[in-house]
Amino acid sequence: KEEEQKDMTQVIGTLSELTKEQEKQREEEQKDMTQV
């Protein structure tokens, strides 16, 4: 159970990081499109 909790915590952290990266890319695309 402790190992599963660690794995779930790592998964949540990885998903959060990926989401942040994608949000950052989307925000940059929005800025570019707004400028265009």
PDB file of all heavy atoms in Angstrom:
ATOM      1  N   LYS A   1       0.823  -1.204   0.000  1.00  0.00           N
ATOM      2  CA  LYS A   1       0.000   0.000   0.000  1.00  0.00           C
ATOM      3  C   LYS A   1       0.859   1.257   0.000  1.00  0.00           C
ATOM      4  O   LYS A   1       0.564   2.239  -0.682  1.00  0.00           O
ATOM      5  CB  LYS A   1      -0.925  -0.010   1.216  1.00  0.00           C
ATOM      6  CG  LYS A   1      -2.064  -1.005   1.101  1.00  0.00           C
ATOM      7  CD  LYS A   1      -2.984  -0.933   2.306  1.00  0.00           C
ATOM      8  CE  LYS A   1      -4.148  -1.918   2.172  1.00  0.00           C
ATOM      9  NZ  LYS A   1      -5.045  -1.868   3.339  1.00  0.00           N
ATOM     10  N   GLU A   2       1.934   1.234   0.778  1.00  0.00           N
ATOM     11  CA  GLU A   2       2.824   2.397   0.789  1.00  0.00           C
ATOM     12  C   GLU A   2       3.455   2.610  -0.585  1.00  0.00           C
ATOM     13  O   GLU A   2       3.570   3.739  -1.062  1.00  0.00           O
ATOM     14  CB  GLU A   2       3.903   2.223   1.856  1.00  0.00           C
ATOM     15  CG  GLU A   2       3.361   2.318   3.274  1.00  0.00           C
ATOM     16  CD  GLU A   2       4.460   2.140   4.302  1.00  0.00           C
ATOM     17  OE1 GLU A   2       5.611   1.847   3.896  1.00  0.00           O
ATOM     18  OE2 GLU A   2       4.180   2.281   5.506  1.00  0.00           O
ATOM     19  N   GLU A   3       3.880   1.502  -1.240  1.00  0.00           N
ATOM     20  CA  GLU A   3       4.452   1.630  -2.577  1.00  0.00           C
ATOM     21  C   GLU A   3       3.408   2.158  -3.562  1.00  0.00           C
ATOM     22  O   GLU A   3       3.707   3.000  -4.423  1.00  0.00           O
ATOM     23  CB  GLU A   3       4.986   0.267  -3.054  1.00  0.00           C
ATOM     24  CG  GLU A   3       6.194  -0.219  -2.289  1.00  0.00           C
ATOM     25  CD  GLU A   3       7.403   0.656  -2.523  1.00  0.00           C
ATOM     26  OE1 GLU A   3       7.488   1.262  -3.623  1.00  0.00           O
ATOM     27  OE2 GLU A   3       8.255   0.745  -1.633  1.00  0.00           O
ATOM     28  N   GLU A   4       2.162   1.648  -3.452  1.00  0.00           N
ATOM     29  CA  GLU A   4       1.109   2.136  -4.350  1.00  0.00           C
ATOM     30  C   GLU A   4       0.832   3.617  -4.119  1.00  0.00           C
ATOM     31  O   GLU A   4       0.632   4.386  -5.071  1.00  0.00           O
ATOM     32  CB  GLU A   4      -0.170   1.325  -4.120  1.00  0.00           C
ATOM     33  CG  GLU A   4      -0.081  -0.112  -4.622  1.00  0.00           C
ATOM     34  CD  GLU A   4      -1.332  -0.911  -4.273  1.00  0.00           C
ATOM     35  OE1 GLU A   4      -2.205  -0.349  -3.587  1.00  0.00           O
ATOM     36  OE2 GLU A   4      -1.424  -2.089  -4.677  1.00  0.00           O
ATOM     37  N   GLN A   5       0.846   4.048  -2.864  1.00  0.00           N
ATOM     38  CA  GLN A   5       0.658   5.465  -2.583  1.00  0.00           C
ATOM     39  C   GLN A   5       1.769   6.306  -3.204  1.00  0.00           C
ATOM     40  O   GLN A   5       1.528   7.368  -3.774  1.00  0.00           O
ATOM     41  CB  GLN A   5       0.609   5.699  -1.072  1.00  0.00           C
ATOM     42  CG  GLN A   5      -0.679   5.194  -0.415  1.00  0.00           C
ATOM     43  CD  GLN A   5      -0.679   5.448   1.079  1.00  0.00           C
ATOM     44  OE1 GLN A   5       0.310   5.910   1.629  1.00  0.00           O
ATOM     45  NE2 GLN A   5      -1.792   5.130   1.725  1.00  0.00           N
ATOM     46  N   LYS A   6       3.008   5.820  -3.089  1.00  0.00           N
ATOM     47  CA  LYS A   6       4.127   6.540  -3.710  1.00  0.00           C
ATOM     48  C   LYS A   6       3.950   6.616  -5.222  1.00  0.00           C
ATOM     49  O   LYS A   6       4.173   7.667  -5.844  1.00  0.00           O
ATOM     50  CB  LYS A   6       5.453   5.860  -3.361  1.00  0.00           C
ATOM     51  CG  LYS A   6       5.845   5.988  -1.899  1.00  0.00           C
ATOM     52  CD  LYS A   6       7.168   5.293  -1.645  1.00  0.00           C
ATOM     53  CE  LYS A   6       7.572   5.395  -0.180  1.00  0.00           C
ATOM     54  NZ  LYS A   6       8.859   4.684   0.086  1.00  0.00           N
ATOM     55  N   ASP A   7       3.569   5.468  -5.822  1.00  0.00           N
ATOM     56  CA  ASP A   7       3.372   5.457  -7.283  1.00  0.00           C
ATOM     57  C   ASP A   7       2.270   6.425  -7.697  1.00  0.00           C
ATOM     58  O   ASP A   7       2.407   7.160  -8.694  1.00  0.00           O
ATOM     59  CB  ASP A   7       3.029   4.031  -7.752  1.00  0.00           C
ATOM     60  CG  ASP A   7       4.188   3.071  -7.536  1.00  0.00           C
ATOM     61  OD1 ASP A   7       5.329   3.550  -7.435  1.00  0.00           O
ATOM     62  OD2 ASP A   7       3.947   1.853  -7.476  1.00  0.00           O
ATOM     63  N   MET A   8       1.146   6.441  -6.948  1.00  0.00           N
ATOM     64  CA  MET A   8       0.059   7.353  -7.297  1.00  0.00           C
ATOM     65  C   MET A   8       0.484   8.806  -7.152  1.00  0.00           C
ATOM     66  O   MET A   8       0.130   9.656  -7.960  1.00  0.00           O
ATOM     67  CB  MET A   8      -1.154   7.048  -6.413  1.00  0.00           C
ATOM     68  CG  MET A   8      -1.903   5.783  -6.823  1.00  0.00           C
ATOM     69  SD  MET A   8      -3.461   5.593  -5.947  1.00  0.00           S
ATOM     70  CE  MET A   8      -2.875   5.229  -4.311  1.00  0.00           C
ATOM     71  N   THR A   9       1.266   9.063  -6.112  1.00  0.00           N
ATOM     72  CA  THR A   9       1.762  10.438  -5.934  1.00  0.00           C
ATOM     73  C   THR A   9       2.652  10.854  -7.101  1.00  0.00           C
ATOM     74  O   THR A   9       2.573  11.973  -7.612  1.00  0.00           O
ATOM     75  CB  THR A   9       2.546  10.547  -4.622  1.00  0.00           C
ATOM     76  OG1 THR A   9       1.707  10.142  -3.535  1.00  0.00           O
ATOM     77  CG2 THR A   9       3.008  11.980  -4.380  1.00  0.00           C
ATOM     78  N   GLN A  10       3.528   9.913  -7.546  1.00  0.00           N
ATOM     79  CA  GLN A  10       4.391  10.214  -8.690  1.00  0.00           C
ATOM     80  C   GLN A  10       3.563  10.424  -9.958  1.00  0.00           C
ATOM     81  O   GLN A  10       3.851  11.317 -10.756  1.00  0.00           O
ATOM     82  CB  GLN A  10       5.399   9.089  -8.891  1.00  0.00           C
ATOM     83  CG  GLN A  10       6.438   8.986  -7.782  1.00  0.00           C
ATOM     84  CD  GLN A  10       7.379   7.821  -7.991  1.00  0.00           C
ATOM     85  OE1 GLN A  10       7.205   7.020  -8.917  1.00  0.00           O
ATOM     86  NE2 GLN A  10       8.381   7.700  -7.131  1.00  0.00           N
ATOM     87  N   VAL A  11       2.515   9.586 -10.142  1.00  0.00           N
ATOM     88  CA  VAL A  11       1.664   9.731 -11.334  1.00  0.00           C
ATOM     89  C   VAL A  11       0.977  11.094 -11.340  1.00  0.00           C
ATOM     90  O   VAL A  11       0.927  11.791 -12.357  1.00  0.00           O
ATOM     91  CB  VAL A  11       0.623   8.586 -11.388  1.00  0.00           C
ATOM     92  CG1 VAL A  11      -0.415   8.862 -12.467  1.00  0.00           C
ATOM     93  CG2 VAL A  11       1.326   7.269 -11.677  1.00  0.00           C
ATOM     94  N   ILE A  12       0.426  11.469 -10.175  1.00  0.00           N
ATOM     95  CA  ILE A  12      -0.241  12.773 -10.080  1.00  0.00           C
ATOM     96  C   ILE A  12       0.741  13.895 -10.378  1.00  0.00           C
ATOM     97  O   ILE A  12       0.434  14.858 -11.092  1.00  0.00           O
ATOM     98  CB  ILE A  12      -0.859  12.941  -8.685  1.00  0.00           C
ATOM     99  CG1 ILE A  12      -2.020  11.961  -8.513  1.00  0.00           C
ATOM    100  CG2 ILE A  12      -1.344  14.371  -8.480  1.00  0.00           C
ATOM    101  CD1 ILE A  12      -2.604  11.950  -7.112  1.00  0.00           C
ATOM    102  N   GLY A  13       1.978  13.782  -9.827  1.00  0.00           N
ATOM    103  CA  GLY A  13       2.981  14.813 -10.094  1.00  0.00           C
ATOM    104  C   GLY A  13       3.340  14.884 -11.568  1.00  0.00           C
ATOM    105  O   GLY A  13       3.476  15.972 -12.140  1.00  0.00           O
ATOM    106  N   THR A  14       3.490  13.694 -12.206  1.00  0.00           N
ATOM    107  CA  THR A  14       3.823  13.678 -13.638  1.00  0.00           C
ATOM    108  C   THR A  14       2.706  14.288 -14.468  1.00  0.00           C
ATOM    109  O   THR A  14       2.952  15.086 -15.390  1.00  0.00           O
ATOM    110  CB  THR A  14       4.083  12.232 -14.098  1.00  0.00           C
ATOM    111  OG1 THR A  14       5.101  11.653 -13.281  1.00  0.00           O
ATOM    112  CG2 THR A  14       4.536  12.221 -15.552  1.00  0.00           C
ATOM    113  N   LEU A  15       1.453  13.915 -14.152  1.00  0.00           N
ATOM    114  CA  LEU A  15       0.318  14.498 -14.885  1.00  0.00           C
ATOM    115  C   LEU A  15       0.252  16.011 -14.702  1.00  0.00           C
ATOM    116  O   LEU A  15      -0.031  16.750 -15.649  1.00  0.00           O
ATOM    117  CB  LEU A  15      -0.982  13.853 -14.398  1.00  0.00           C
ATOM    118  CG  LEU A  15      -1.219  12.391 -14.828  1.00  0.00           C
ATOM    119  CD1 LEU A  15      -2.463  11.852 -14.155  1.00  0.00           C
ATOM    120  CD2 LEU A  15      -1.340  12.285 -16.347  1.00  0.00           C
ATOM    121  N   SER A  16       0.531  16.452 -13.496  1.00  0.00           N
ATOM    122  CA  SER A  16       0.502  17.902 -13.243  1.00  0.00           C
ATOM    123  C   SER A  16       1.564  18.621 -14.067  1.00  0.00           C
ATOM    124  O   SER A  16       1.316  19.675 -14.656  1.00  0.00           O
ATOM    125  CB  SER A  16       0.718  18.174 -11.756  1.00  0.00           C
ATOM    126  OG  SER A  16      -0.296  17.572 -10.984  1.00  0.00           O
ATOM    127  N   GLU A  17       2.778  18.019 -14.112  1.00  0.00           N
ATOM    128  CA  GLU A  17       3.844  18.645 -14.894  1.00  0.00           C
ATOM    129  C   GLU A  17       3.492  18.675 -16.384  1.00  0.00           C
ATOM    130  O   GLU A  17       3.703  19.682 -17.070  1.00  0.00           O
ATOM    131  CB  GLU A  17       5.154  17.888 -14.678  1.00  0.00           C
ATOM    132  CG  GLU A  17       5.712  18.046 -13.261  1.00  0.00           C
ATOM    133  CD  GLU A  17       6.980  17.253 -13.067  1.00  0.00           C
ATOM    134  OE1 GLU A  17       7.392  16.556 -14.031  1.00  0.00           O
ATOM    135  OE2 GLU A  17       7.564  17.323 -11.971  1.00  0.00           O
ATOM    136  N   LEU A  18       2.960  17.534 -16.902  1.00  0.00           N
ATOM    137  CA  LEU A  18       2.577  17.505 -18.322  1.00  0.00           C
ATOM    138  C   LEU A  18       1.489  18.528 -18.617  1.00  0.00           C
ATOM    139  O   LEU A  18       1.520  19.224 -19.644  1.00  0.00           O
ATOM    140  CB  LEU A  18       2.093  16.099 -18.689  1.00  0.00           C
ATOM    141  CG  LEU A  18       3.159  14.997 -18.721  1.00  0.00           C
ATOM    142  CD1 LEU A  18       2.514  13.639 -18.955  1.00  0.00           C
ATOM    143  CD2 LEU A  18       4.187  15.282 -19.817  1.00  0.00           C
ATOM    144  N   THR A  19       0.532  18.627 -17.719  1.00  0.00           N
ATOM    145  CA  THR A  19      -0.555  19.592 -17.929  1.00  0.00           C
ATOM    146  C   THR A  19      -0.026  21.020 -17.926  1.00  0.00           C
ATOM    147  O   THR A  19      -0.428  21.852 -18.730  1.00  0.00           O
ATOM    148  CB  THR A  19      -1.610  19.426 -16.827  1.00  0.00           C
ATOM    149  OG1 THR A  19      -2.057  18.072 -16.820  1.00  0.00           O
ATOM    150  CG2 THR A  19      -2.786  20.347 -17.062  1.00  0.00           C
ATOM    151  N   LYS A  20       0.906  21.280 -17.017  1.00  0.00           N
ATOM    152  CA  LYS A  20       1.496  22.627 -16.977  1.00  0.00           C
ATOM    153  C   LYS A  20       2.224  22.944 -18.282  1.00  0.00           C
ATOM    154  O   LYS A  20       2.123  24.055 -18.811  1.00  0.00           O
ATOM    155  CB  LYS A  20       2.454  22.742 -15.790  1.00  0.00           C
ATOM    156  CG  LYS A  20       1.746  22.778 -14.451  1.00  0.00           C
ATOM    157  CD  LYS A  20       2.752  22.887 -13.316  1.00  0.00           C
ATOM    158  CE  LYS A  20       2.047  22.911 -11.964  1.00  0.00           C
ATOM    159  NZ  LYS A  20       3.024  22.976 -10.853  1.00  0.00           N
ATOM    160  N   GLU A  21       2.989  21.947 -18.795  1.00  0.00           N
ATOM    161  CA  GLU A  21       3.694  22.170 -20.060  1.00  0.00           C
ATOM    162  C   GLU A  21       2.715  22.423 -21.189  1.00  0.00           C
ATOM    163  O   GLU A  21       2.900  23.335 -22.016  1.00  0.00           O
ATOM    164  CB  GLU A  21       4.576  20.951 -20.386  1.00  0.00           C
ATOM    165  CG  GLU A  21       5.781  20.790 -19.466  1.00  0.00           C
ATOM    166  CD  GLU A  21       6.782  21.904 -19.682  1.00  0.00           C
ATOM    167  OE1 GLU A  21       6.838  22.440 -20.808  1.00  0.00           O
ATOM    168  OE2 GLU A  21       7.489  22.243 -18.726  1.00  0.00           O
ATOM    169  N   GLN A  22       1.648  21.597 -21.254  1.00  0.00           N
ATOM    170  CA  GLN A  22       0.664  21.791 -22.321  1.00  0.00           C
ATOM    171  C   GLN A  22      -0.058  23.122 -22.182  1.00  0.00           C
ATOM    172  O   GLN A  22      -0.313  23.813 -23.174  1.00  0.00           O
ATOM    173  CB  GLN A  22      -0.344  20.638 -22.302  1.00  0.00           C
ATOM    174  CG  GLN A  22       0.262  19.301 -22.721  1.00  0.00           C
ATOM    175  CD  GLN A  22      -0.753  18.180 -22.655  1.00  0.00           C
ATOM    176  OE1 GLN A  22      -1.861  18.352 -22.159  1.00  0.00           O
ATOM    177  NE2 GLN A  22      -0.365  17.011 -23.164  1.00  0.00           N
ATOM    178  N   GLU A  23      -0.390  23.491 -20.944  1.00  0.00           N
ATOM    179  CA  GLU A  23      -1.026  24.788 -20.747  1.00  0.00           C
ATOM    180  C   GLU A  23      -0.105  25.922 -21.179  1.00  0.00           C
ATOM    181  O   GLU A  23      -0.552  26.900 -21.779  1.00  0.00           O
ATOM    182  CB  GLU A  23      -1.384  24.956 -19.270  1.00  0.00           C
ATOM    183  CG  GLU A  23      -2.573  24.125 -18.835  1.00  0.00           C
ATOM    184  CD  GLU A  23      -2.905  24.349 -17.384  1.00  0.00           C
ATOM    185  OE1 GLU A  23      -2.147  25.084 -16.725  1.00  0.00           O
ATOM    186  OE2 GLU A  23      -3.917  23.809 -16.911  1.00  0.00           O
ATOM    187  N   LYS A  24       1.185  25.768 -20.894  1.00  0.00           N
ATOM    188  CA  LYS A  24       2.140  26.793 -21.306  1.00  0.00           C
ATOM    189  C   LYS A  24       2.197  26.918 -22.824  1.00  0.00           C
ATOM    190  O   LYS A  24       2.196  28.021 -23.381  1.00  0.00           O
ATOM    191  CB  LYS A  24       3.529  26.454 -20.749  1.00  0.00           C
ATOM    192  CG  LYS A  24       4.571  27.524 -20.989  1.00  0.00           C
ATOM    193  CD  LYS A  24       5.888  27.141 -20.338  1.00  0.00           C
ATOM    194  CE  LYS A  24       6.937  28.223 -20.581  1.00  0.00           C
ATOM    195  NZ  LYS A  24       8.242  27.851 -19.970  1.00  0.00           N
ATOM    196  N   GLN A  25       2.232  25.744 -23.519  1.00  0.00           N
ATOM    197  CA  GLN A  25       2.246  25.783 -24.990  1.00  0.00           C
ATOM    198  C   GLN A  25       0.962  26.395 -25.530  1.00  0.00           C
ATOM    199  O   GLN A  25       0.996  27.202 -26.468  1.00  0.00           O
ATOM    200  CB  GLN A  25       2.422  24.355 -25.530  1.00  0.00           C
ATOM    201  CG  GLN A  25       3.790  23.743 -25.224  1.00  0.00           C
ATOM    202  CD  GLN A  25       3.896  22.329 -25.725  1.00  0.00           C
ATOM    203  OE1 GLN A  25       2.951  21.773 -26.277  1.00  0.00           O
ATOM    204  NE2 GLN A  25       5.073  21.717 -25.528  1.00  0.00           N
ATOM    205  N   ARG A  26      -0.176  26.018 -24.945  1.00  0.00           N
ATOM    206  CA  ARG A  26      -1.448  26.582 -25.397  1.00  0.00           C
ATOM    207  C   ARG A  26      -1.487  28.091 -25.181  1.00  0.00           C
ATOM    208  O   ARG A  26      -1.985  28.844 -26.024  1.00  0.00           O
ATOM    209  CB  ARG A  26      -2.607  25.924 -24.636  1.00  0.00           C
ATOM    210  CG  ARG A  26      -2.743  24.429 -24.873  1.00  0.00           C
ATOM    211  CD  ARG A  26      -3.223  24.127 -26.282  1.00  0.00           C
ATOM    212  NE  ARG A  26      -3.494  22.697 -26.467  1.00  0.00           N
ATOM    213  CZ  ARG A  26      -3.899  22.153 -27.589  1.00  0.00           C
ATOM    214  NH1 ARG A  26      -4.063  22.911 -28.641  1.00  0.00           N
ATOM    215  NH2 ARG A  26      -4.128  20.855 -27.668  1.00  0.00           N
ATOM    216  N   GLU A  27      -0.980  28.519 -24.053  1.00  0.00           N
ATOM    217  CA  GLU A  27      -0.972  29.959 -23.792  1.00  0.00           C
ATOM    218  C   GLU A  27      -0.093  30.698 -24.808  1.00  0.00           C
ATOM    219  O   GLU A  27      -0.451  31.785 -25.272  1.00  0.00           O
ATOM    220  CB  GLU A  27      -0.462  30.217 -22.380  1.00  0.00           C
ATOM    221  CG  GLU A  27      -1.465  29.818 -21.303  1.00  0.00           C
ATOM    222  CD  GLU A  27      -0.897  29.989 -19.914  1.00  0.00           C
ATOM    223  OE1 GLU A  27       0.296  30.360 -19.811  1.00  0.00           O
ATOM    224  OE2 GLU A  27      -1.633  29.751 -18.934  1.00  0.00           O
ATOM    225  N   GLU A  28       1.064  30.089 -25.148  1.00  0.00           N
ATOM    226  CA  GLU A  28       1.918  30.720 -26.159  1.00  0.00           C
ATOM    227  C   GLU A  28       1.211  30.775 -27.512  1.00  0.00           C
ATOM    228  O   GLU A  28       1.291  31.780 -28.234  1.00  0.00           O
ATOM    229  CB  GLU A  28       3.232  29.945 -26.267  1.00  0.00           C
ATOM    230  CG  GLU A  28       4.122  30.081 -25.028  1.00  0.00           C
ATOM    231  CD  GLU A  28       5.390  29.254 -25.150  1.00  0.00           C
ATOM    232  OE1 GLU A  28       5.501  28.507 -26.160  1.00  0.00           O
ATOM    233  OE2 GLU A  28       6.258  29.375 -24.264  1.00  0.00           O
ATOM    234  N   GLU A  29       0.502  29.677 -27.862  1.00  0.00           N
ATOM    235  CA  GLU A  29      -0.238  29.684 -29.130  1.00  0.00           C
ATOM    236  C   GLU A  29      -1.331  30.748 -29.104  1.00  0.00           C
ATOM    237  O   GLU A  29      -1.556  31.445 -30.103  1.00  0.00           O
ATOM    238  CB  GLU A  29      -0.858  28.301 -29.363  1.00  0.00           C
ATOM    239  CG  GLU A  29       0.177  27.216 -29.691  1.00  0.00           C
ATOM    240  CD  GLU A  29      -0.493  25.856 -29.888  1.00  0.00           C
ATOM    241  OE1 GLU A  29      -1.724  25.805 -29.763  1.00  0.00           O
ATOM    242  OE2 GLU A  29       0.227  24.884 -30.174  1.00  0.00           O
ATOM    243  N   GLN A  30      -2.001  30.885 -27.965  1.00  0.00           N
ATOM    244  CA  GLN A  30      -3.027  31.913 -27.857  1.00  0.00           C
ATOM    245  C   GLN A  30      -2.438  33.309 -28.036  1.00  0.00           C
ATOM    246  O   GLN A  30      -3.013  34.162 -28.713  1.00  0.00           O
ATOM    247  CB  GLN A  30      -3.720  31.820 -26.494  1.00  0.00           C
ATOM    248  CG  GLN A  30      -4.724  30.681 -26.395  1.00  0.00           C
ATOM    249  CD  GLN A  30      -5.443  30.700 -25.071  1.00  0.00           C
ATOM    250  OE1 GLN A  30      -4.944  31.197 -24.078  1.00  0.00           O
ATOM    251  NE2 GLN A  30      -6.644  30.155 -25.060  1.00  0.00           N
ATOM    252  N   LYS A  31      -1.276  33.530 -27.419  1.00  0.00           N
ATOM    253  CA  LYS A  31      -0.634  34.837 -27.588  1.00  0.00           C
ATOM    254  C   LYS A  31      -0.299  35.096 -29.048  1.00  0.00           C
ATOM    255  O   LYS A  31      -0.530  36.195 -29.575  1.00  0.00           O
ATOM    256  CB  LYS A  31       0.635  34.897 -26.735  1.00  0.00           C
ATOM    257  CG  LYS A  31       0.360  34.961 -25.238  1.00  0.00           C
ATOM    258  CD  LYS A  31       1.664  35.028 -24.450  1.00  0.00           C
ATOM    259  CE  LYS A  31       1.397  35.074 -22.966  1.00  0.00           C
ATOM    260  NZ  LYS A  31       2.665  35.106 -22.186  1.00  0.00           N
ATOM    261  N   ASP A  32       0.285  34.052 -29.713  1.00  0.00           N
ATOM    262  CA  ASP A  32       0.647  34.225 -31.131  1.00  0.00           C
ATOM    263  C   ASP A  32      -0.600  34.511 -31.967  1.00  0.00           C
ATOM    264  O   ASP A  32      -0.589  35.403 -32.835  1.00  0.00           O
ATOM    265  CB  ASP A  32       1.347  32.959 -31.645  1.00  0.00           C
ATOM    266  CG  ASP A  32       2.682  32.748 -30.965  1.00  0.00           C
ATOM    267  OD1 ASP A  32       3.235  33.738 -30.444  1.00  0.00           O
ATOM    268  OD2 ASP A  32       3.175  31.611 -30.961  1.00  0.00           O
ATOM    269  N   MET A  33      -1.670  33.758 -31.731  1.00  0.00           N
ATOM    270  CA  MET A  33      -2.888  33.968 -32.516  1.00  0.00           C
ATOM    271  C   MET A  33      -3.505  35.330 -32.229  1.00  0.00           C
ATOM    272  O   MET A  33      -4.034  35.985 -33.124  1.00  0.00           O
ATOM    273  CB  MET A  33      -3.889  32.843 -32.206  1.00  0.00           C
ATOM    274  CG  MET A  33      -3.512  31.512 -32.858  1.00  0.00           C
ATOM    275  SD  MET A  33      -4.798  30.266 -32.690  1.00  0.00           S
ATOM    276  CE  MET A  33      -4.668  29.904 -30.957  1.00  0.00           C
ATOM    277  N   THR A  34      -3.427  35.757 -30.965  1.00  0.00           N
ATOM    278  CA  THR A  34      -3.945  37.090 -30.631  1.00  0.00           C
ATOM    279  C   THR A  34      -3.177  38.173 -31.377  1.00  0.00           C
ATOM    280  O   THR A  34      -3.753  39.133 -31.906  1.00  0.00           O
ATOM    281  CB  THR A  34      -3.840  37.321 -29.117  1.00  0.00           C
ATOM    282  OG1 THR A  34      -4.558  36.292 -28.429  1.00  0.00           O
ATOM    283  CG2 THR A  34      -4.439  38.675 -28.739  1.00  0.00           C
ATOM    284  N   GLN A  35      -1.839  38.002 -31.447  1.00  0.00           N
ATOM    285  CA  GLN A  35      -1.030  38.974 -32.191  1.00  0.00           C
ATOM    286  C   GLN A  35      -1.382  38.961 -33.676  1.00  0.00           C
ATOM    287  O   GLN A  35      -1.493  40.018 -34.310  1.00  0.00           O
ATOM    288  CB  GLN A  35       0.459  38.669 -31.989  1.00  0.00           C
ATOM    289  CG  GLN A  35       0.946  38.912 -30.571  1.00  0.00           C
ATOM    290  CD  GLN A  35       2.392  38.542 -30.393  1.00  0.00           C
ATOM    291  OE1 GLN A  35       3.024  38.001 -31.321  1.00  0.00           O
ATOM    292  NE2 GLN A  35       2.945  38.812 -29.224  1.00  0.00           N
ATOM    293  N   VAL A  36      -1.579  37.739 -34.241  1.00  0.00           N
ATOM    294  CA  VAL A  36      -1.922  37.650 -35.669  1.00  0.00           C
ATOM    295  C   VAL A  36      -3.272  38.298 -35.936  1.00  0.00           C
ATOM    296  O   VAL A  36      -3.451  39.037 -36.912  1.00  0.00           O
ATOM    297  CB  VAL A  36      -1.922  36.163 -36.121  1.00  0.00           C
ATOM    298  CG1 VAL A  36      -2.469  36.040 -37.538  1.00  0.00           C
ATOM    299  CG2 VAL A  36      -0.511  35.598 -36.061  1.00  0.00           C
TER     300      VAL A  36
END
